[in-house]
Amino acid sequence: MTLYIDPPTWPGHGRLWSHLVSDVSFEELHTFAAVIGCPPRAFERDHYDVPEAYYADAVRAGAREIGSKELVRRLTAAGLRRPKGRAAPG
């Protein structure tokens, strides 16, 4: 299981956010997100938006800290990237 999280640098709704992704599957991502308490509504196309307050929990649970550009590169290489405007497979 390899999950990745970028630093909480993305502003929105009065807080900072990280992105949590898997390079294996969305099933793995959903399972991990549930373990750290991220609600299903935090899932957006190919990642979870994780508030700064959950960042340390995600890392303690096993998410690897990487930069935002590397996170997108790994997500794309895994074939799991779903840019805005592109329908989800299936």
C-alpha atoms as a PDB file:
ATOM      1  CA  MET A   1       0.000   0.000   0.000  1.00  0.00           C
ATOM      2  CA  THR A   2       1.483   3.332  -1.047  1.00  0.00           C
ATOM      3  CA  LEU A   3      -0.397   6.515  -0.391  1.00  0.00           C
ATOM      4  CA  TYR A   4       1.034   9.965  -0.950  1.00  0.00           C
ATOM      5  CA  ILE A   5       0.199  13.347   0.538  1.00  0.00           C
ATOM      6  CA  ASP A   6       1.488  16.783  -0.400  1.00  0.00           C
ATOM      7  CA  PRO A   7       2.055  19.601   2.110  1.00  0.00           C
ATOM      8  CA  PRO A   8      -1.003  21.547   3.299  1.00  0.00           C
ATOM      9  CA  THR A   9      -0.402  24.639   1.157  1.00  0.00           C
ATOM     10  CA  TRP A  10      -3.651  24.890  -0.812  1.00  0.00           C
ATOM     11  CA  PRO A  11      -5.972  27.586   0.646  1.00  0.00           C
ATOM     12  CA  GLY A  12      -9.734  27.188   0.717  1.00  0.00           C
ATOM     13  CA  HIS A  13     -12.646  27.784   3.053  1.00  0.00           C
ATOM     14  CA  GLY A  14     -10.432  29.508   5.619  1.00  0.00           C
ATOM     15  CA  ARG A  15      -7.903  26.675   5.967  1.00  0.00           C
ATOM     16  CA  LEU A  16      -5.025  24.970   4.211  1.00  0.00           C
ATOM     17  CA  TRP A  17      -5.402  21.655   2.387  1.00  0.00           C
ATOM     18  CA  SER A  18      -3.328  18.721   1.181  1.00  0.00           C
ATOM     19  CA  HIS A  19      -4.066  16.175  -1.522  1.00  0.00           C
ATOM     20  CA  LEU A  20      -4.046  12.456  -0.736  1.00  0.00           C
ATOM     21  CA  VAL A  21      -3.582   9.969  -3.587  1.00  0.00           C
ATOM     22  CA  SER A  22      -2.833   6.309  -4.230  1.00  0.00           C
ATOM     23  CA  ASP A  23      -0.588   4.981  -6.973  1.00  0.00           C
ATOM     24  CA  VAL A  24      -2.344   1.597  -6.828  1.00  0.00           C
ATOM     25  CA  SER A  25      -6.135   2.037  -6.892  1.00  0.00           C
ATOM     26  CA  PHE A  26      -9.071   4.168  -5.871  1.00  0.00           C
ATOM     27  CA  GLU A  27     -10.223   1.322  -3.621  1.00  0.00           C
ATOM     28  CA  GLU A  28      -6.965   1.583  -1.666  1.00  0.00           C
ATOM     29  CA  LEU A  29      -7.354   5.366  -1.507  1.00  0.00           C
ATOM     30  CA  HIS A  30     -10.953   5.192  -0.219  1.00  0.00           C
ATOM     31  CA  THR A  31     -10.011   2.614   2.421  1.00  0.00           C
ATOM     32  CA  PHE A  32      -7.090   4.681   3.697  1.00  0.00           C
ATOM     33  CA  ALA A  33      -9.123   7.892   3.717  1.00  0.00           C
ATOM     34  CA  ALA A  34     -11.797   6.212   5.843  1.00  0.00           C
ATOM     35  CA  VAL A  35      -9.149   5.025   8.314  1.00  0.00           C
ATOM     36  CA  ILE A  36      -7.909   8.582   8.897  1.00  0.00           C
ATOM     37  CA  GLY A  37     -11.436   9.987   9.096  1.00  0.00           C
ATOM     38  CA  CYS A  38     -11.798  11.705   5.719  1.00  0.00           C
ATOM     39  CA  PRO A  39     -15.450  11.721   4.683  1.00  0.00           C
ATOM     40  CA  PRO A  40     -16.415  10.461   1.209  1.00  0.00           C
ATOM     41  CA  ARG A  41     -17.421  14.005   0.217  1.00  0.00           C
ATOM     42  CA  ALA A  42     -13.711  14.996   0.409  1.00  0.00           C
ATOM     43  CA  PHE A  43     -12.997  12.831  -2.672  1.00  0.00           C
ATOM     44  CA  GLU A  44     -12.560  14.872  -5.843  1.00  0.00           C
ATOM     45  CA  ARG A  45     -12.066  12.958  -9.118  1.00  0.00           C
ATOM     46  CA  ASP A  46      -8.726  11.304  -8.246  1.00  0.00           C
ATOM     47  CA  HIS A  47      -7.725  12.526  -4.781  1.00  0.00           C
ATOM     48  CA  TYR A  48      -8.962  13.448  -1.343  1.00  0.00           C
ATOM     49  CA  ASP A  49      -8.760  17.024  -0.130  1.00  0.00           C
ATOM     50  CA  VAL A  50      -7.323  16.679   3.369  1.00  0.00           C
ATOM     51  CA  PRO A  51      -7.467  19.601   5.824  1.00  0.00           C
ATOM     52  CA  GLU A  52      -4.238  20.605   7.507  1.00  0.00           C
ATOM     53  CA  ALA A  53      -5.559  19.256  10.832  1.00  0.00           C
ATOM     54  CA  TYR A  54      -5.578  15.694   9.366  1.00  0.00           C
ATOM     55  CA  TYR A  55      -2.132  15.893   7.739  1.00  0.00           C
ATOM     56  CA  ALA A  56      -0.169  14.452  10.681  1.00  0.00           C
ATOM     57  CA  ASP A  57      -2.740  11.657  11.089  1.00  0.00           C
ATOM     58  CA  ALA A  58      -2.309  10.691   7.431  1.00  0.00           C
ATOM     59  CA  VAL A  59       1.480  10.597   7.761  1.00  0.00           C
ATOM     60  CA  ARG A  60       1.313   8.568  11.004  1.00  0.00           C
ATOM     61  CA  ALA A  61      -1.027   6.117   9.262  1.00  0.00           C
ATOM     62  CA  GLY A  62       1.527   5.598   6.496  1.00  0.00           C
ATOM     63  CA  ALA A  63       1.040   8.238   3.787  1.00  0.00           C
ATOM     64  CA  ARG A  64       4.374   9.306   2.301  1.00  0.00           C
ATOM     65  CA  GLU A  65       5.067  13.023   2.232  1.00  0.00           C
ATOM     66  CA  ILE A  66       5.992  14.292  -1.248  1.00  0.00           C
ATOM     67  CA  GLY A  67       5.785  17.569  -3.136  1.00  0.00           C
ATOM     68  CA  SER A  68       2.750  18.505  -5.189  1.00  0.00           C
ATOM     69  CA  LYS A  69       4.454  18.102  -8.577  1.00  0.00           C
ATOM     70  CA  GLU A  70       5.757  14.652  -7.632  1.00  0.00           C
ATOM     71  CA  LEU A  71       2.298  13.679  -6.370  1.00  0.00           C
ATOM     72  CA  VAL A  72       0.743  14.535  -9.753  1.00  0.00           C
ATOM     73  CA  ARG A  73       3.563  12.752 -11.593  1.00  0.00           C
ATOM     74  CA  ARG A  74       3.003   9.534  -9.616  1.00  0.00           C
ATOM     75  CA  LEU A  75      -0.765   9.722  -9.999  1.00  0.00           C
ATOM     76  CA  THR A  76      -0.405  10.198 -13.755  1.00  0.00           C
ATOM     77  CA  ALA A  77       2.177   7.398 -14.090  1.00  0.00           C
ATOM     78  CA  ALA A  78      -0.216   5.047 -12.283  1.00  0.00           C
ATOM     79  CA  GLY A  79      -2.952   5.851 -14.822  1.00  0.00           C
ATOM     80  CA  LEU A  80      -5.218   7.216 -12.078  1.00  0.00           C
ATOM     81  CA  ARG A  81      -5.137  10.933 -12.987  1.00  0.00           C
ATOM     82  CA  ARG A  82      -8.582  12.365 -13.794  1.00  0.00           C
ATOM     83  CA  PRO A  83      -8.169  16.022 -14.798  1.00  0.00           C
ATOM     84  CA  LYS A  84     -11.135  18.386 -14.601  1.00  0.00           C
ATOM     85  CA  GLY A  85     -13.424  18.043 -17.577  1.00  0.00           C
ATOM     86  CA  ARG A  86     -12.642  14.379 -18.148  1.00  0.00           C
ATOM     87  CA  ALA A  87     -15.288  11.827 -17.250  1.00  0.00           C
ATOM     88  CA  ALA A  88     -14.461   9.066 -14.828  1.00  0.00           C
ATOM     89  CA  PRO A  89     -13.875   5.666 -16.456  1.00  0.00           C
ATOM     90  CA  GLY A  90     -16.759   3.227 -16.436  1.00  0.00           C
END
